[in-house]
Amino acid sequence: MAETAVAVHAPGAGEIARKRPYIPVFVILAVVTGIELAITQPGLPEIEHSLRIIVLVILSTIKASLVIAYYMHLRYEPRWLALIPLAGLALVAVLVTALTATVAHP
């Protein structure tokens, strides 16, 4: 009976095993969502409307970045590939700025 060689890839001395922290990222996403919900509750002290919107946009950007980086595996891709979504983000920034300027000055 012949033995079959099986290749097993284990991290060598120069390599670092990559851990993909899906559970901690999920917990962070849940906490940020809880903060977003708390900000929109009517029982809290009144926060200026524009400040509330700015905070919500920042929190949603954090959440989107985490989803893109970890759940869409962009963090583990080459850097040039990670730059592709920045074009869409730049377009969104321009559109939000234009909309905000339009709404702020009727």
PDB file of N, CA and C in Angstrom:
ATOM      1  N   MET A   1       0.842  -1.166   0.000  1.00  0.00           N
ATOM      2  CA  MET A   1       0.000   0.000   0.000  1.00  0.00           C
ATOM      3  C   MET A   1       0.894   1.238   0.000  1.00  0.00           C
ATOM      4  N   ALA A   2       0.648   2.163  -0.917  1.00  0.00           N
ATOM      5  CA  ALA A   2       1.471   3.360  -1.044  1.00  0.00           C
ATOM      6  C   ALA A   2       0.890   4.484  -0.185  1.00  0.00           C
ATOM      7  N   GLU A   3       1.777   5.269   0.378  1.00  0.00           N
ATOM      8  CA  GLU A   3       1.334   6.417   1.175  1.00  0.00           C
ATOM      9  C   GLU A   3       1.188   7.629   0.273  1.00  0.00           C
ATOM     10  N   THR A   4       0.225   8.428   0.539  1.00  0.00           N
ATOM     11  CA  THR A   4      -0.023   9.625  -0.249  1.00  0.00           C
ATOM     12  C   THR A   4       0.452  10.835   0.543  1.00  0.00           C
ATOM     13  N   ALA A   5       1.186  11.695  -0.153  1.00  0.00           N
ATOM     14  CA  ALA A   5       1.664  12.922   0.499  1.00  0.00           C
ATOM     15  C   ALA A   5       0.544  13.966   0.459  1.00  0.00           C
ATOM     16  N   VAL A   6       0.335  14.595   1.559  1.00  0.00           N
ATOM     17  CA  VAL A   6      -0.680  15.632   1.659  1.00  0.00           C
ATOM     18  C   VAL A   6       0.014  16.927   2.057  1.00  0.00           C
ATOM     19  N   ALA A   7      -0.238  17.968   1.277  1.00  0.00           N
ATOM     20  CA  ALA A   7       0.371  19.259   1.584  1.00  0.00           C
ATOM     21  C   ALA A   7      -0.473  19.973   2.633  1.00  0.00           C
ATOM     22  N   VAL A   8       0.173  20.352   3.680  1.00  0.00           N
ATOM     23  CA  VAL A   8      -0.489  21.101   4.735  1.00  0.00           C
ATOM     24  C   VAL A   8       0.243  22.418   4.875  1.00  0.00           C
ATOM     25  N   HIS A   9      -0.497  23.507   4.789  1.00  0.00           N
ATOM     26  CA  HIS A   9       0.139  24.815   4.912  1.00  0.00           C
ATOM     27  C   HIS A   9      -0.035  25.314   6.332  1.00  0.00           C
ATOM     28  N   ALA A  10       1.050  25.375   7.037  1.00  0.00           N
ATOM     29  CA  ALA A  10       1.045  25.943   8.387  1.00  0.00           C
ATOM     30  C   ALA A  10       1.912  27.185   8.363  1.00  0.00           C
ATOM     31  N   PRO A  11       1.580  28.178   9.163  1.00  0.00           N
ATOM     32  CA  PRO A  11       2.404  29.380   9.167  1.00  0.00           C
ATOM     33  C   PRO A  11       3.826  29.067   9.596  1.00  0.00           C
ATOM     34  N   GLY A  12       4.761  29.535   8.795  1.00  0.00           N
ATOM     35  CA  GLY A  12       6.164  29.316   9.102  1.00  0.00           C
ATOM     36  C   GLY A  12       6.681  30.348  10.092  1.00  0.00           C
ATOM     37  N   ALA A  13       8.002  30.348  10.288  1.00  0.00           N
ATOM     38  CA  ALA A  13       8.602  31.270  11.248  1.00  0.00           C
ATOM     39  C   ALA A  13       8.429  32.720  10.799  1.00  0.00           C
ATOM     40  N   GLY A  14       8.471  32.980   9.479  1.00  0.00           N
ATOM     41  CA  GLY A  14       8.354  34.343   8.970  1.00  0.00           C
ATOM     42  C   GLY A  14       6.926  34.783   8.724  1.00  0.00           C
ATOM     43  N   GLU A  15       5.988  33.846   8.795  1.00  0.00           N
ATOM     44  CA  GLU A  15       4.597  34.168   8.509  1.00  0.00           C
ATOM     45  C   GLU A  15       3.814  34.359   9.797  1.00  0.00           C
ATOM     46  N   ILE A  16       2.808  35.187   9.695  1.00  0.00           N
ATOM     47  CA  ILE A  16       1.908  35.389  10.823  1.00  0.00           C
ATOM     48  C   ILE A  16       0.539  34.882  10.396  1.00  0.00           C
ATOM     49  N   ALA A  17      -0.045  34.052  11.213  1.00  0.00           N
ATOM     50  CA  ALA A  17      -1.378  33.547  10.901  1.00  0.00           C
ATOM     51  C   ALA A  17      -2.369  34.695  11.029  1.00  0.00           C
ATOM     52  N   ARG A  18      -3.194  34.896   9.999  1.00  0.00           N
ATOM     53  CA  ARG A  18      -4.187  35.969  10.022  1.00  0.00           C
ATOM     54  C   ARG A  18      -5.433  35.512  10.743  1.00  0.00           C
ATOM     55  N   LYS A  19      -5.837  36.292  11.704  1.00  0.00           N
ATOM     56  CA  LYS A  19      -7.092  36.017  12.383  1.00  0.00           C
ATOM     57  C   LYS A  19      -8.108  36.992  11.828  1.00  0.00           C
ATOM     58  N   ARG A  20      -9.253  36.494  11.522  1.00  0.00           N
ATOM     59  CA  ARG A  20     -10.310  37.344  10.980  1.00  0.00           C
ATOM     60  C   ARG A  20     -11.345  37.553  12.082  1.00  0.00           C
ATOM     61  N   PRO A  21     -11.362  38.731  12.634  1.00  0.00           N
ATOM     62  CA  PRO A  21     -12.180  38.987  13.841  1.00  0.00           C
ATOM     63  C   PRO A  21     -13.645  39.295  13.543  1.00  0.00           C
ATOM     64  N   TYR A  22     -14.380  38.314  13.040  1.00  0.00           N
ATOM     65  CA  TYR A  22     -15.765  38.563  12.671  1.00  0.00           C
ATOM     66  C   TYR A  22     -16.656  38.858  13.880  1.00  0.00           C
ATOM     67  N   ILE A  23     -16.484  38.130  14.948  1.00  0.00           N
ATOM     68  CA  ILE A  23     -17.326  38.317  16.130  1.00  0.00           C
ATOM     69  C   ILE A  23     -17.065  39.675  16.787  1.00  0.00           C
ATOM     70  N   PRO A  24     -15.794  40.065  17.049  1.00  0.00           N
ATOM     71  CA  PRO A  24     -15.580  41.411  17.624  1.00  0.00           C
ATOM     72  C   PRO A  24     -16.098  42.535  16.718  1.00  0.00           C
ATOM     73  N   VAL A  25     -15.956  42.390  15.418  1.00  0.00           N
ATOM     74  CA  VAL A  25     -16.467  43.409  14.499  1.00  0.00           C
ATOM     75  C   VAL A  25     -17.990  43.453  14.577  1.00  0.00           C
ATOM     76  N   PHE A  26     -18.624  42.304  14.678  1.00  0.00           N
ATOM     77  CA  PHE A  26     -20.078  42.254  14.818  1.00  0.00           C
ATOM     78  C   PHE A  26     -20.528  42.958  16.095  1.00  0.00           C
ATOM     79  N   VAL A  27     -19.796  42.743  17.187  1.00  0.00           N
ATOM     80  CA  VAL A  27     -20.130  43.392  18.455  1.00  0.00           C
ATOM     81  C   VAL A  27     -19.992  44.908  18.329  1.00  0.00           C
ATOM     82  N   ILE A  28     -18.921  45.370  17.665  1.00  0.00           N
ATOM     83  CA  ILE A  28     -18.728  46.806  17.458  1.00  0.00           C
ATOM     84  C   ILE A  28     -19.879  47.370  16.623  1.00  0.00           C
ATOM     85  N   LEU A  29     -20.272  46.656  15.580  1.00  0.00           N
ATOM     86  CA  LEU A  29     -21.396  47.108  14.753  1.00  0.00           C
ATOM     87  C   LEU A  29     -22.690  47.201  15.571  1.00  0.00           C
ATOM     88  N   ALA A  30     -22.908  46.232  16.450  1.00  0.00           N
ATOM     89  CA  ALA A  30     -24.106  46.252  17.288  1.00  0.00           C
ATOM     90  C   ALA A  30     -24.078  47.430  18.263  1.00  0.00           C
ATOM     91  N   VAL A  31     -22.908  47.706  18.843  1.00  0.00           N
ATOM     92  CA  VAL A  31     -22.787  48.824  19.789  1.00  0.00           C
ATOM     93  C   VAL A  31     -23.024  50.152  19.073  1.00  0.00           C
ATOM     94  N   VAL A  32     -22.423  50.319  17.893  1.00  0.00           N
ATOM     95  CA  VAL A  32     -22.609  51.570  17.142  1.00  0.00           C
ATOM     96  C   VAL A  32     -24.073  51.733  16.734  1.00  0.00           C
ATOM     97  N   THR A  33     -24.734  50.644  16.368  1.00  0.00           N
ATOM     98  CA  THR A  33     -26.155  50.711  16.044  1.00  0.00           C
ATOM     99  C   THR A  33     -26.964  51.127  17.267  1.00  0.00           C
ATOM    100  N   GLY A  34     -26.615  50.602  18.430  1.00  0.00           N
ATOM    101  CA  GLY A  34     -27.281  51.001  19.665  1.00  0.00           C
ATOM    102  C   GLY A  34     -27.103  52.483  19.960  1.00  0.00           C
ATOM    103  N   ILE A  35     -25.897  53.002  19.705  1.00  0.00           N
ATOM    104  CA  ILE A  35     -25.651  54.434  19.891  1.00  0.00           C
ATOM    105  C   ILE A  35     -26.502  55.247  18.929  1.00  0.00           C
ATOM    106  N   GLU A  36     -26.583  54.787  17.679  1.00  0.00           N
ATOM    107  CA  GLU A  36     -27.420  55.491  16.697  1.00  0.00           C
ATOM    108  C   GLU A  36     -28.877  55.523  17.139  1.00  0.00           C
ATOM    109  N   LEU A  37     -29.366  54.408  17.632  1.00  0.00           N
ATOM    110  CA  LEU A  37     -30.760  54.367  18.094  1.00  0.00           C
ATOM    111  C   LEU A  37     -30.965  55.260  19.312  1.00  0.00           C
ATOM    112  N   ALA A  38     -29.993  55.302  20.203  1.00  0.00           N
ATOM    113  CA  ALA A  38     -30.105  56.136  21.393  1.00  0.00           C
ATOM    114  C   ALA A  38     -30.132  57.618  21.026  1.00  0.00           C
ATOM    115  N   ILE A  39     -29.380  57.994  20.009  1.00  0.00           N
ATOM    116  CA  ILE A  39     -29.338  59.393  19.598  1.00  0.00           C
ATOM    117  C   ILE A  39     -30.681  59.855  19.046  1.00  0.00           C
ATOM    118  N   THR A  40     -31.417  58.946  18.433  1.00  0.00           N
ATOM    119  CA  THR A  40     -32.688  59.332  17.803  1.00  0.00           C
ATOM    120  C   THR A  40     -33.881  59.259  18.746  1.00  0.00           C
ATOM    121  N   GLN A  41     -33.672  58.819  19.990  1.00  0.00           N
ATOM    122  CA  GLN A  41     -34.780  58.709  20.939  1.00  0.00           C
ATOM    123  C   GLN A  41     -35.274  60.087  21.363  1.00  0.00           C
ATOM    124  N   PRO A  42     -36.573  60.281  21.410  1.00  0.00           N
ATOM    125  CA  PRO A  42     -37.110  61.597  21.770  1.00  0.00           C
ATOM    126  C   PRO A  42     -36.963  61.934  23.252  1.00  0.00           C
ATOM    127  N   GLY A  43     -36.767  60.965  24.135  1.00  0.00           N
ATOM    128  CA  GLY A  43     -36.691  61.225  25.566  1.00  0.00           C
ATOM    129  C   GLY A  43     -35.368  61.812  26.023  1.00  0.00           C
ATOM    130  N   LEU A  44     -34.363  61.783  25.193  1.00  0.00           N
ATOM    131  CA  LEU A  44     -33.053  62.305  25.571  1.00  0.00           C
ATOM    132  C   LEU A  44     -33.040  63.824  25.508  1.00  0.00           C
ATOM    133  N   PRO A  45     -32.076  64.457  26.201  1.00  0.00           N
ATOM    134  CA  PRO A  45     -31.969  65.919  26.093  1.00  0.00           C
ATOM    135  C   PRO A  45     -31.857  66.325  24.629  1.00  0.00           C
ATOM    136  N   GLU A  46     -32.456  67.437  24.336  1.00  0.00           N
ATOM    137  CA  GLU A  46     -32.519  67.895  22.946  1.00  0.00           C
ATOM    138  C   GLU A  46     -31.130  68.200  22.399  1.00  0.00           C
ATOM    139  N   ILE A  47     -30.814  67.567  21.302  1.00  0.00           N
ATOM    140  CA  ILE A  47     -29.553  67.805  20.594  1.00  0.00           C
ATOM    141  C   ILE A  47     -29.918  68.570  19.326  1.00  0.00           C
ATOM    142  N   GLU A  48     -29.100  69.534  18.987  1.00  0.00           N
ATOM    143  CA  GLU A  48     -29.368  70.308  17.776  1.00  0.00           C
ATOM    144  C   GLU A  48     -29.488  69.362  16.580  1.00  0.00           C
ATOM    145  N   HIS A  49     -30.440  69.640  15.720  1.00  0.00           N
ATOM    146  CA  HIS A  49     -30.743  68.743  14.595  1.00  0.00           C
ATOM    147  C   HIS A  49     -29.533  68.515  13.685  1.00  0.00           C
ATOM    148  N   SER A  50     -28.814  69.575  13.332  1.00  0.00           N
ATOM    149  CA  SER A  50     -27.668  69.413  12.429  1.00  0.00           C
ATOM    150  C   SER A  50     -26.549  68.619  13.097  1.00  0.00           C
ATOM    151  N   LEU A  51     -26.350  68.801  14.407  1.00  0.00           N
ATOM    152  CA  LEU A  51     -25.335  68.026  15.121  1.00  0.00           C
ATOM    153  C   LEU A  51     -25.722  66.554  15.161  1.00  0.00           C
ATOM    154  N   ARG A  52     -27.006  66.287  15.371  1.00  0.00           N
ATOM    155  CA  ARG A  52     -27.499  64.904  15.370  1.00  0.00           C
ATOM    156  C   ARG A  52     -27.232  64.240  14.012  1.00  0.00           C
ATOM    157  N   ILE A  53     -27.487  64.967  12.934  1.00  0.00           N
ATOM    158  CA  ILE A  53     -27.256  64.413  11.595  1.00  0.00           C
ATOM    159  C   ILE A  53     -25.775  64.147  11.369  1.00  0.00           C
ATOM    160  N   ILE A  54     -24.921  65.066  11.778  1.00  0.00           N
ATOM    161  CA  ILE A  54     -23.477  64.886  11.603  1.00  0.00           C
ATOM    162  C   ILE A  54     -22.990  63.654  12.351  1.00  0.00           C
ATOM    163  N   VAL A  55     -23.437  63.491  13.603  1.00  0.00           N
ATOM    164  CA  VAL A  55     -23.029  62.331  14.397  1.00  0.00           C
ATOM    165  C   VAL A  55     -23.530  61.046  13.756  1.00  0.00           C
ATOM    166  N   LEU A  56     -24.774  61.035  13.280  1.00  0.00           N
ATOM    167  CA  LEU A  56     -25.314  59.831  12.639  1.00  0.00           C
ATOM    168  C   LEU A  56     -24.572  59.490  11.352  1.00  0.00           C
ATOM    169  N   VAL A  57     -24.185  60.488  10.574  1.00  0.00           N
ATOM    170  CA  VAL A  57     -23.425  60.229   9.348  1.00  0.00           C
ATOM    171  C   VAL A  57     -22.053  59.656   9.687  1.00  0.00           C
ATOM    172  N   ILE A  58     -21.402  60.192  10.713  1.00  0.00           N
ATOM    173  CA  ILE A  58     -20.086  59.674  11.114  1.00  0.00           C
ATOM    174  C   ILE A  58     -20.211  58.226  11.592  1.00  0.00           C
ATOM    175  N   LEU A  59     -21.214  57.947  12.414  1.00  0.00           N
ATOM    176  CA  LEU A  59     -21.396  56.581  12.903  1.00  0.00           C
ATOM    177  C   LEU A  59     -21.723  55.612  11.767  1.00  0.00           C
ATOM    178  N   SER A  60     -22.540  56.031  10.825  1.00  0.00           N
ATOM    179  CA  SER A  60     -22.867  55.139   9.702  1.00  0.00           C
ATOM    180  C   SER A  60     -21.654  54.934   8.801  1.00  0.00           C
ATOM    181  N   THR A  61     -20.788  55.933   8.696  1.00  0.00           N
ATOM    182  CA  THR A  61     -19.561  55.763   7.921  1.00  0.00           C
ATOM    183  C   THR A  61     -18.634  54.755   8.593  1.00  0.00           C
ATOM    184  N   ILE A  62     -18.566  54.811   9.910  1.00  0.00           N
ATOM    185  CA  ILE A  62     -17.764  53.824  10.648  1.00  0.00           C
ATOM    186  C   ILE A  62     -18.304  52.422  10.405  1.00  0.00           C
ATOM    187  N   LYS A  63     -19.625  52.278  10.493  1.00  0.00           N
ATOM    188  CA  LYS A  63     -20.214  50.959  10.264  1.00  0.00           C
ATOM    189  C   LYS A  63     -19.968  50.465   8.843  1.00  0.00           C
ATOM    190  N   ALA A  64     -20.151  51.336   7.864  1.00  0.00           N
ATOM    191  CA  ALA A  64     -19.927  50.929   6.473  1.00  0.00           C
ATOM    192  C   ALA A  64     -18.465  50.536   6.258  1.00  0.00           C
ATOM    193  N   SER A  65     -17.550  51.263   6.866  1.00  0.00           N
ATOM    194  CA  SER A  65     -16.125  50.939   6.721  1.00  0.00           C
ATOM    195  C   SER A  65     -15.811  49.568   7.307  1.00  0.00           C
ATOM    196  N   LEU A  66     -16.376  49.262   8.454  1.00  0.00           N
ATOM    197  CA  LEU A  66     -16.139  47.955   9.063  1.00  0.00           C
ATOM    198  C   LEU A  66     -16.720  46.828   8.209  1.00  0.00           C
ATOM    199  N   VAL A  67     -17.916  47.036   7.685  1.00  0.00           N
ATOM    200  CA  VAL A  67     -18.532  46.003   6.839  1.00  0.00           C
ATOM    201  C   VAL A  67     -17.697  45.783   5.587  1.00  0.00           C
ATOM    202  N   ILE A  68     -17.268  46.868   4.966  1.00  0.00           N
ATOM    203  CA  ILE A  68     -16.453  46.749   3.755  1.00  0.00           C
ATOM    204  C   ILE A  68     -15.124  46.080   4.056  1.00  0.00           C
ATOM    205  N   ALA A  69     -14.481  46.486   5.131  1.00  0.00           N
ATOM    206  CA  ALA A  69     -13.146  45.978   5.436  1.00  0.00           C
ATOM    207  C   ALA A  69     -13.156  44.503   5.815  1.00  0.00           C
ATOM    208  N   TYR A  70     -14.102  44.093   6.650  1.00  0.00           N
ATOM    209  CA  TYR A  70     -14.047  42.731   7.175  1.00  0.00           C
ATOM    210  C   TYR A  70     -15.007  41.771   6.488  1.00  0.00           C
ATOM    211  N   TYR A  71     -16.266  42.136   6.326  1.00  0.00           N
ATOM    212  CA  TYR A  71     -17.226  41.196   5.768  1.00  0.00           C
ATOM    213  C   TYR A  71     -17.146  41.101   4.249  1.00  0.00           C
ATOM    214  N   MET A  72     -16.641  42.144   3.604  1.00  0.00           N
ATOM    215  CA  MET A  72     -16.417  42.068   2.163  1.00  0.00           C
ATOM    216  C   MET A  72     -14.959  41.733   1.863  1.00  0.00           C
ATOM    217  N   HIS A  73     -14.195  41.451   2.906  1.00  0.00           N
ATOM    218  CA  HIS A  73     -12.807  40.989   2.828  1.00  0.00           C
ATOM    219  C   HIS A  73     -11.868  41.971   2.129  1.00  0.00           C
ATOM    220  N   LEU A  74     -12.199  43.231   2.102  1.00  0.00           N
ATOM    221  CA  LEU A  74     -11.334  44.207   1.448  1.00  0.00           C
ATOM    222  C   LEU A  74     -10.046  44.422   2.234  1.00  0.00           C
ATOM    223  N   ARG A  75     -10.101  44.184   3.529  1.00  0.00           N
ATOM    224  CA  ARG A  75      -8.908  44.341   4.362  1.00  0.00           C
ATOM    225  C   ARG A  75      -7.810  43.365   3.950  1.00  0.00           C
ATOM    226  N   TYR A  76      -8.195  42.252   3.396  1.00  0.00           N
ATOM    227  CA  TYR A  76      -7.232  41.204   3.051  1.00  0.00           C
ATOM    228  C   TYR A  76      -6.859  41.210   1.571  1.00  0.00           C
ATOM    229  N   GLU A  77      -7.304  42.209   0.845  1.00  0.00           N
ATOM    230  CA  GLU A  77      -6.997  42.332  -0.578  1.00  0.00           C
ATOM    231  C   GLU A  77      -5.814  43.275  -0.773  1.00  0.00           C
ATOM    232  N   PRO A  78      -5.227  43.267  -1.969  1.00  0.00           N
ATOM    233  CA  PRO A  78      -4.142  44.229  -2.249  1.00  0.00           C
ATOM    234  C   PRO A  78      -4.639  45.664  -2.115  1.00  0.00           C
ATOM    235  N   ARG A  79      -3.736  46.564  -1.754  1.00  0.00           N
ATOM    236  CA  ARG A  79      -4.110  47.960  -1.487  1.00  0.00           C
ATOM    237  C   ARG A  79      -4.764  48.641  -2.692  1.00  0.00           C
ATOM    238  N   TRP A  80      -4.289  48.374  -3.899  1.00  0.00           N
ATOM    239  CA  TRP A  80      -4.859  49.046  -5.066  1.00  0.00           C
ATOM    240  C   TRP A  80      -6.315  48.662  -5.241  1.00  0.00           C
ATOM    241  N   LEU A  81      -6.673  47.443  -4.882  1.00  0.00           N
ATOM    242  CA  LEU A  81      -8.056  47.001  -4.999  1.00  0.00           C
ATOM    243  C   LEU A  81      -8.925  47.674  -3.935  1.00  0.00           C
ATOM    244  N   ALA A  82      -8.346  47.969  -2.802  1.00  0.00           N
ATOM    245  CA  ALA A  82      -9.082  48.634  -1.735  1.00  0.00           C
ATOM    246  C   ALA A  82      -9.379  50.092  -2.070  1.00  0.00           C
ATOM    247  N   LEU A  83      -8.664  50.678  -3.017  1.00  0.00           N
ATOM    248  CA  LEU A  83      -8.882  52.072  -3.388  1.00  0.00           C
ATOM    249  C   LEU A  83     -10.104  52.271  -4.289  1.00  0.00           C
ATOM    250  N   ILE A  84     -10.574  51.214  -4.918  1.00  0.00           N
ATOM    251  CA  ILE A  84     -11.700  51.309  -5.843  1.00  0.00           C
ATOM    252  C   ILE A  84     -12.963  51.881  -5.177  1.00  0.00           C
ATOM    253  N   PRO A  85     -13.353  51.412  -3.977  1.00  0.00           N
ATOM    254  CA  PRO A  85     -14.562  51.983  -3.361  1.00  0.00           C
ATOM    255  C   PRO A  85     -14.416  53.453  -2.966  1.00  0.00           C
ATOM    256  N   LEU A  86     -13.208  53.960  -2.890  1.00  0.00           N
ATOM    257  CA  LEU A  86     -13.034  55.360  -2.518  1.00  0.00           C
ATOM    258  C   LEU A  86     -13.618  56.305  -3.568  1.00  0.00           C
ATOM    259  N   ALA A  87     -13.666  55.877  -4.808  1.00  0.00           N
ATOM    260  CA  ALA A  87     -14.282  56.703  -5.849  1.00  0.00           C
ATOM    261  C   ALA A  87     -15.773  56.882  -5.552  1.00  0.00           C
ATOM    262  N   GLY A  88     -16.442  55.822  -5.158  1.00  0.00           N
ATOM    263  CA  GLY A  88     -17.851  55.919  -4.787  1.00  0.00           C
ATOM    264  C   GLY A  88     -18.048  56.756  -3.535  1.00  0.00           C
ATOM    265  N   LEU A  89     -17.140  56.622  -2.584  1.00  0.00           N
ATOM    266  CA  LEU A  89     -17.226  57.412  -1.367  1.00  0.00           C
ATOM    267  C   LEU A  89     -17.037  58.900  -1.660  1.00  0.00           C
ATOM    268  N   ALA A  90     -16.142  59.224  -2.578  1.00  0.00           N
ATOM    269  CA  ALA A  90     -15.934  60.621  -2.962  1.00  0.00           C
ATOM    270  C   ALA A  90     -17.194  61.181  -3.618  1.00  0.00           C
ATOM    271  N   LEU A  91     -17.840  60.394  -4.462  1.00  0.00           N
ATOM    272  CA  LEU A  91     -19.084  60.834  -5.099  1.00  0.00           C
ATOM    273  C   LEU A  91     -20.177  61.065  -4.063  1.00  0.00           C
ATOM    274  N   VAL A  92     -20.289  60.174  -3.100  1.00  0.00           N
ATOM    275  CA  VAL A  92     -21.278  60.337  -2.039  1.00  0.00           C
ATOM    276  C   VAL A  92     -20.999  61.616  -1.247  1.00  0.00           C
ATOM    277  N   ALA A  93     -19.733  61.887  -0.945  1.00  0.00           N
ATOM    278  CA  ALA A  93     -19.375  63.098  -0.200  1.00  0.00           C
ATOM    279  C   ALA A  93     -19.783  64.349  -0.970  1.00  0.00           C
ATOM    280  N   VAL A  94     -19.549  64.344  -2.277  1.00  0.00           N
ATOM    281  CA  VAL A  94     -19.933  65.497  -3.102  1.00  0.00           C
ATOM    282  C   VAL A  94     -21.446  65.668  -3.117  1.00  0.00           C
ATOM    283  N   LEU A  95     -22.182  64.578  -3.266  1.00  0.00           N
ATOM    284  CA  LEU A  95     -23.640  64.662  -3.308  1.00  0.00           C
ATOM    285  C   LEU A  95     -24.231  65.099  -1.969  1.00  0.00           C
ATOM    286  N   VAL A  96     -23.684  64.583  -0.864  1.00  0.00           N
ATOM    287  CA  VAL A  96     -24.177  64.986   0.458  1.00  0.00           C
ATOM    288  C   VAL A  96     -23.886  66.454   0.697  1.00  0.00           C
ATOM    289  N   THR A  97     -22.700  66.916   0.303  1.00  0.00           N
ATOM    290  CA  THR A  97     -22.358  68.329   0.463  1.00  0.00           C
ATOM    291  C   THR A  97     -23.297  69.210  -0.354  1.00  0.00           C
ATOM    292  N   ALA A  98     -23.561  68.819  -1.576  1.00  0.00           N
ATOM    293  CA  ALA A  98     -24.457  69.609  -2.428  1.00  0.00           C
ATOM    294  C   ALA A  98     -25.879  69.617  -1.875  1.00  0.00           C
ATOM    295  N   LEU A  99     -26.346  68.479  -1.390  1.00  0.00           N
ATOM    296  CA  LEU A  99     -27.694  68.400  -0.822  1.00  0.00           C
ATOM    297  C   LEU A  99     -27.794  69.232   0.454  1.00  0.00           C
ATOM    298  N   THR A 100     -26.762  69.147   1.285  1.00  0.00           N
ATOM    299  CA  THR A 100     -26.765  69.916   2.526  1.00  0.00           C
ATOM    300  C   THR A 100     -26.774  71.405   2.233  1.00  0.00           C
ATOM    301  N   ALA A 101     -26.001  71.843   1.268  1.00  0.00           N
ATOM    302  CA  ALA A 101     -25.964  73.257   0.905  1.00  0.00           C
ATOM    303  C   ALA A 101     -27.308  73.703   0.348  1.00  0.00           C
ATOM    304  N   THR A 102     -27.967  72.847  -0.387  1.00  0.00           N
ATOM    305  CA  THR A 102     -29.261  73.189  -0.968  1.00  0.00           C
ATOM    306  C   THR A 102     -30.343  73.290   0.116  1.00  0.00           C
ATOM    307  N   VAL A 103     -30.329  72.355   1.046  1.00  0.00           N
ATOM    308  CA  VAL A 103     -31.341  72.334   2.108  1.00  0.00           C
ATOM    309  C   VAL A 103     -31.098  73.467   3.108  1.00  0.00           C
ATOM    310  N   ALA A 104     -29.845  73.760   3.401  1.00  0.00           N
ATOM    311  CA  ALA A 104     -29.515  74.764   4.403  1.00  0.00           C
ATOM    312  C   ALA A 104     -29.871  76.177   3.934  1.00  0.00           C
ATOM    313  N   HIS A 105     -29.855  76.417   2.633  1.00  0.00           N
ATOM    314  CA  HIS A 105     -30.138  77.741   2.083  1.00  0.00           C
ATOM    315  C   HIS A 105     -31.298  77.655   1.097  1.00  0.00           C
ATOM    316  N   PRO A 106     -32.536  77.671   1.597  1.00  0.00           N
ATOM    317  CA  PRO A 106     -33.691  77.516   0.691  1.00  0.00           C
ATOM    318  C   PRO A 106     -33.927  78.687  -0.213  1.00  0.00           C
TER     319      PRO A 106
END
